[in-house]
Amino acid sequence: MSAPKRNPPAFIRKSGFESDRKALVRELFSVDLDLPYGLLYETSDPLGIARILGRKKTLGFLSDIRYRVKQIRILLVTFLLLGNVSVFSEEAPQTPSAETPTASPEEQSLSTVKKLVGFIRFKKNDKALALIHVGRFSELLVGNHKITPAERKDFEEAVGEYISNKAFPIAVQYFDKIDITYEKPILKDKKIRIGSSILYKGSDQIAFAWILSEIDGSWYITDFETEGKLATDINRTKNIEPSLKKNGVKETILLVRKAAKS
């Protein structure tokens, strides 16, 4: 009479837990082991097995075929458990994947811009800000004005706060639920320009462009272009430079922080 078919064992879910060894043995070999935990633990070391198999006075001579089968199954389970639980812990061999072709600078840049738009739409400002190189953006705003490294760092942090708290909330009004058209990225003078446009409220077309630069092997957004003019040039000449001349560096930083919080 053939043995009844069994469903695949679910013991893999329980591997690694000492308290589940008894259930593991039952599921693996369908042996109804009614052993106390002390005896069950003995089956996880060779000396314990020897002690179990050597208890002839208690167990009698192994004449019962069913008992012999149980002992053999216990031995098999023991060898599985002794092998650093390799059956449970080893990962399935992975087929070597083909090398992914390196994306071109144009493809990397377009991917960066699309990620930025997605993060802005879902109001993940920290992730969006990480795609803008605030350091380079700040340098372009300061221009040739001399400031100390400490002041430069404070200014950069203030600009980052302004972009996150003021610029992104404004941008999401235009990007939210509106498809953006992207032109083919153009690489020129170690910078990439990606022209874009949106149809705001179904009738007003707004055209602009993203400017990206490669920094430390990655492409970051370092400027924006509207009506043929760069955002850093506009803000530097109209806001930053006049404030630096009139108020000085520290006061300008305070003004930027104040504008970010207002």
Protein backbone atom coordinates (compact mmCIF):
# COMPACT_ATOMS: atom_id res chain seq x y z
CA MET A 1 0.00 0.00 0.00
CA SER A 2 1.59 3.26 -1.08
CA ALA A 3 2.13 6.00 1.45
CA PRO A 4 -0.41 8.82 1.34
CA LYS A 5 0.71 12.00 -0.40
CA ARG A 6 1.65 14.81 1.89
CA ASN A 7 1.57 18.52 1.34
CA PRO A 8 4.99 20.28 1.11
CA PRO A 9 6.37 20.85 4.62
CA ALA A 10 6.03 24.29 6.10
CA PHE A 11 9.02 23.88 8.39
CA ILE A 12 11.11 26.47 6.58
CA ARG A 13 9.01 29.18 8.19
CA LYS A 14 10.01 27.83 11.60
CA SER A 15 13.71 27.28 10.99
CA GLY A 16 16.12 28.89 13.40
CA PHE A 17 13.84 28.60 16.44
CA GLU A 18 14.90 26.03 19.04
CA SER A 19 11.39 25.77 20.48
CA ASP A 20 9.99 24.59 17.15
CA ARG A 21 12.28 21.62 16.58
CA LYS A 22 9.63 19.14 17.64
CA ALA A 23 7.12 20.60 15.17
CA LEU A 24 9.86 20.72 12.55
CA VAL A 25 10.56 17.00 12.91
CA ARG A 26 6.86 16.14 12.67
CA GLU A 27 6.37 18.18 9.55
CA LEU A 28 9.53 17.01 7.86
CA PHE A 29 9.13 13.27 8.30
CA SER A 30 5.57 12.91 9.66
CA VAL A 31 6.88 11.10 12.72
CA ASP A 32 4.74 11.34 15.80
CA LEU A 33 7.58 11.95 18.22
CA ASP A 34 6.23 12.16 21.70
CA LEU A 35 9.61 13.00 23.21
CA PRO A 36 10.22 15.42 26.06
CA TYR A 37 12.27 18.45 25.09
CA GLY A 38 15.28 17.18 27.04
CA LEU A 39 15.39 14.04 24.96
CA LEU A 40 14.67 15.94 21.77
CA TYR A 41 17.65 18.20 22.38
CA GLU A 42 19.83 15.13 22.79
CA THR A 43 19.10 14.32 19.16
CA SER A 44 20.92 17.49 18.12
CA ASP A 45 24.38 16.20 19.07
CA PRO A 46 26.14 12.92 18.19
CA LEU A 47 26.70 11.90 21.82
CA GLY A 48 23.00 12.32 22.50
CA ILE A 49 22.19 10.00 19.63
CA ALA A 50 24.62 7.43 20.97
CA ARG A 51 22.96 7.61 24.36
CA ILE A 52 19.52 7.12 22.81
CA LEU A 53 20.60 4.22 20.64
CA GLY A 54 22.54 2.67 23.51
CA ARG A 55 19.62 2.40 25.91
CA LYS A 56 19.06 -1.28 25.19
CA LYS A 57 17.83 -2.04 28.69
CA THR A 58 15.09 0.53 28.48
CA LEU A 59 14.16 0.25 24.84
CA GLY A 60 14.94 -3.42 24.35
CA PHE A 61 16.56 -4.87 21.29
CA LEU A 62 15.49 -3.10 18.15
CA SER A 63 13.22 -5.79 16.86
CA ASP A 64 10.26 -3.64 16.09
CA ILE A 65 10.56 -2.48 12.45
CA ARG A 66 8.51 0.64 13.08
CA TYR A 67 10.84 1.63 15.91
CA ARG A 68 13.86 1.12 13.64
CA VAL A 69 12.31 3.41 11.05
CA LYS A 70 11.70 6.08 13.68
CA GLN A 71 15.31 5.92 14.87
CA ILE A 72 16.64 6.23 11.34
CA ARG A 73 14.41 9.24 10.76
CA ILE A 74 15.65 10.82 13.98
CA LEU A 75 19.22 10.36 12.77
CA LEU A 76 18.38 12.01 9.46
CA VAL A 77 16.82 14.99 11.22
CA THR A 78 19.86 15.23 13.49
CA PHE A 79 22.28 15.42 10.57
CA LEU A 80 20.16 18.18 9.08
CA LEU A 81 20.22 20.15 12.31
CA LEU A 82 23.96 19.66 12.80
CA GLY A 83 24.95 21.05 9.42
CA ASN A 84 24.76 24.67 10.67
CA VAL A 85 21.10 24.51 9.76
CA SER A 86 22.28 24.88 6.18
CA VAL A 87 18.99 23.56 4.77
CA PHE A 88 17.21 26.55 6.27
CA SER A 89 19.83 29.28 5.96
CA GLU A 90 21.39 28.80 2.56
CA GLU A 91 20.02 31.03 -0.13
CA ALA A 92 18.88 29.57 -3.38
CA PRO A 93 21.56 29.89 -6.04
CA GLN A 94 21.01 32.94 -8.15
CA THR A 95 21.46 32.94 -11.86
CA PRO A 96 24.12 35.51 -12.78
CA SER A 97 22.30 38.44 -14.26
CA ALA A 98 23.52 40.17 -17.36
CA GLU A 99 25.39 43.39 -16.69
CA THR A 100 23.11 46.39 -16.90
CA PRO A 101 24.42 48.82 -19.50
CA THR A 102 25.58 52.08 -17.98
CA ALA A 103 23.04 54.80 -18.63
CA SER A 104 24.19 57.79 -20.61
CA PRO A 105 24.51 61.20 -18.91
CA GLU A 106 21.36 62.31 -20.70
CA GLU A 107 19.42 59.29 -19.44
CA GLN A 108 20.72 59.74 -15.89
CA SER A 109 19.77 63.41 -15.91
CA LEU A 110 16.25 62.81 -17.18
CA SER A 111 15.80 60.11 -14.53
CA THR A 112 16.92 62.56 -11.83
CA VAL A 113 14.45 65.20 -12.97
CA LYS A 114 11.55 62.74 -13.07
CA LYS A 115 12.40 61.52 -9.58
CA LEU A 116 12.48 65.09 -8.32
CA VAL A 117 9.03 65.80 -9.76
CA GLY A 118 7.67 62.62 -8.20
CA PHE A 119 9.05 63.48 -4.78
CA ILE A 120 7.65 67.00 -4.98
CA ARG A 121 4.23 65.67 -5.98
CA PHE A 122 4.15 63.33 -2.97
CA LYS A 123 5.61 66.03 -0.71
CA LYS A 124 8.76 64.07 0.11
CA ASN A 125 10.78 67.24 0.36
CA ASP A 126 13.86 65.70 1.95
CA LYS A 127 14.30 63.25 -0.92
CA ALA A 128 13.58 65.94 -3.47
CA LEU A 129 16.14 68.28 -1.92
CA ALA A 130 18.78 65.53 -2.08
CA LEU A 131 18.54 65.65 -5.90
CA ILE A 132 19.36 69.36 -5.94
CA HIS A 133 22.98 70.23 -5.27
CA VAL A 134 22.28 73.03 -2.83
CA GLY A 135 26.00 73.70 -2.42
CA ARG A 136 26.51 74.48 -6.10
CA PHE A 137 23.22 76.40 -6.22
CA SER A 138 24.36 78.53 -3.28
CA GLU A 139 27.73 79.22 -4.87
CA LEU A 140 26.01 80.55 -7.97
CA LEU A 141 23.81 82.79 -5.81
CA VAL A 142 26.76 84.26 -3.91
CA GLY A 143 28.80 84.83 -7.05
CA ASN A 144 32.14 86.55 -6.49
CA HIS A 145 31.27 87.85 -3.04
CA LYS A 146 33.83 86.78 -0.45
CA ILE A 147 32.49 84.80 2.48
CA THR A 148 34.12 82.48 5.01
CA PRO A 149 33.67 78.68 4.90
CA ALA A 150 31.46 78.85 8.00
CA GLU A 151 29.30 81.57 6.46
CA ARG A 152 29.08 79.59 3.21
CA LYS A 153 27.84 76.56 5.14
CA ASP A 154 25.21 78.62 6.99
CA PHE A 155 24.10 80.24 3.75
CA GLU A 156 23.79 76.85 2.06
CA GLU A 157 21.62 75.53 4.91
CA ALA A 158 19.42 78.63 4.72
CA VAL A 159 18.97 78.22 0.96
CA GLY A 160 18.09 74.55 1.46
CA GLU A 161 15.42 75.53 3.99
CA TYR A 162 13.99 78.09 1.57
CA ILE A 163 13.81 75.61 -1.31
CA SER A 164 12.16 72.96 0.86
CA ASN A 165 9.71 75.24 2.68
CA LYS A 166 8.84 77.76 -0.03
CA ALA A 167 9.85 76.59 -3.50
CA PHE A 168 8.54 73.03 -3.30
CA PRO A 169 5.05 73.97 -2.04
CA ILE A 170 4.75 76.42 -4.95
CA ALA A 171 6.04 73.87 -7.45
CA VAL A 172 3.59 71.18 -6.32
CA GLN A 173 0.71 73.45 -7.40
CA TYR A 174 1.99 73.17 -10.98
CA PHE A 175 3.25 69.58 -10.91
CA ASP A 176 0.37 67.95 -9.05
CA LYS A 177 -1.74 65.77 -11.39
CA ILE A 178 -0.34 67.58 -14.43
CA ASP A 179 1.74 65.79 -17.03
CA ILE A 180 5.10 67.36 -17.81
CA THR A 181 6.51 67.29 -21.31
CA TYR A 182 10.26 66.69 -21.44
CA GLU A 183 12.43 67.61 -24.38
CA LYS A 184 15.52 65.68 -25.36
CA PRO A 185 18.36 66.40 -22.90
CA ILE A 186 21.18 68.43 -24.41
CA LEU A 187 24.75 68.06 -23.12
CA LYS A 188 26.87 71.18 -23.56
CA ASP A 189 29.85 72.57 -21.63
CA LYS A 190 29.65 69.76 -19.05
CA LYS A 191 26.05 70.69 -18.26
CA ILE A 192 22.77 69.18 -19.37
CA ARG A 193 19.70 71.21 -20.20
CA ILE A 194 16.28 69.54 -20.24
CA GLY A 195 13.54 71.73 -21.64
CA SER A 196 10.09 71.11 -20.20
CA SER A 197 6.58 72.48 -20.32
CA ILE A 198 3.24 71.99 -18.62
CA LEU A 199 -0.28 72.96 -19.59
CA TYR A 200 -1.55 74.68 -16.46
CA LYS A 201 -5.35 74.67 -15.96
CA GLY A 202 -5.75 73.31 -19.46
CA SER A 203 -4.79 76.51 -21.27
CA ASP A 204 -1.72 78.27 -19.84
CA GLN A 205 1.46 76.70 -21.16
CA ILE A 206 4.44 77.23 -18.90
CA ALA A 207 7.88 76.53 -20.36
CA PHE A 208 11.04 76.13 -18.32
CA ALA A 209 14.21 74.07 -18.23
CA TRP A 210 16.27 72.06 -15.77
CA ILE A 211 20.01 72.56 -15.62
CA LEU A 212 22.07 69.65 -14.32
CA SER A 213 25.76 69.25 -13.54
CA GLU A 214 27.83 66.17 -12.84
CA ILE A 215 29.24 66.26 -9.32
CA ASP A 216 31.14 63.37 -7.76
CA GLY A 217 29.95 61.00 -10.48
CA SER A 218 26.23 61.82 -10.21
CA TRP A 219 24.00 64.29 -12.01
CA TYR A 220 22.36 66.91 -9.81
CA ILE A 221 20.00 69.77 -10.55
CA THR A 222 22.02 72.94 -10.08
CA ASP A 223 19.83 75.59 -11.69
CA PHE A 224 16.51 76.36 -13.39
CA GLU A 225 15.76 78.37 -16.46
CA THR A 226 12.69 80.48 -17.16
CA GLU A 227 12.20 82.69 -20.19
CA GLY A 228 15.82 82.12 -21.16
CA LYS A 229 17.19 83.33 -17.83
CA LEU A 230 18.76 81.28 -15.03
CA ALA A 231 17.10 81.36 -11.62
CA THR A 232 20.47 81.86 -9.88
CA ASP A 233 21.28 84.89 -12.05
CA ILE A 234 17.87 86.47 -11.37
CA ASN A 235 17.99 85.90 -7.62
CA ARG A 236 21.62 86.93 -7.30
CA THR A 237 21.23 90.27 -9.08
CA LYS A 238 17.82 91.17 -7.65
CA ASN A 239 18.04 89.80 -4.10
CA ILE A 240 21.28 88.31 -2.83
CA GLU A 241 23.91 90.78 -4.05
CA PRO A 242 21.96 93.90 -2.95
CA SER A 243 21.40 92.34 0.48
CA LEU A 244 25.05 91.32 0.86
CA LYS A 245 26.18 94.85 0.07
CA LYS A 246 23.60 96.49 2.32
CA ASN A 247 23.26 94.05 5.23
CA GLY A 248 26.35 91.88 5.15
CA VAL A 249 26.59 88.09 5.06
CA LYS A 250 25.17 87.20 8.47
CA GLU A 251 22.16 89.45 8.16
CA THR A 252 21.49 88.14 4.64
CA ILE A 253 21.52 84.58 5.98
CA LEU A 254 19.03 85.59 8.68
CA LEU A 255 16.79 87.19 6.05
CA VAL A 256 16.83 84.02 3.93
CA ARG A 257 15.96 81.89 6.99
CA LYS A 258 13.17 84.32 7.91
CA ALA A 259 11.76 84.14 4.37
CA ALA A 260 11.87 80.33 4.53
CA LYS A 261 9.72 80.31 7.67
CA SER A 262 7.25 83.01 6.70
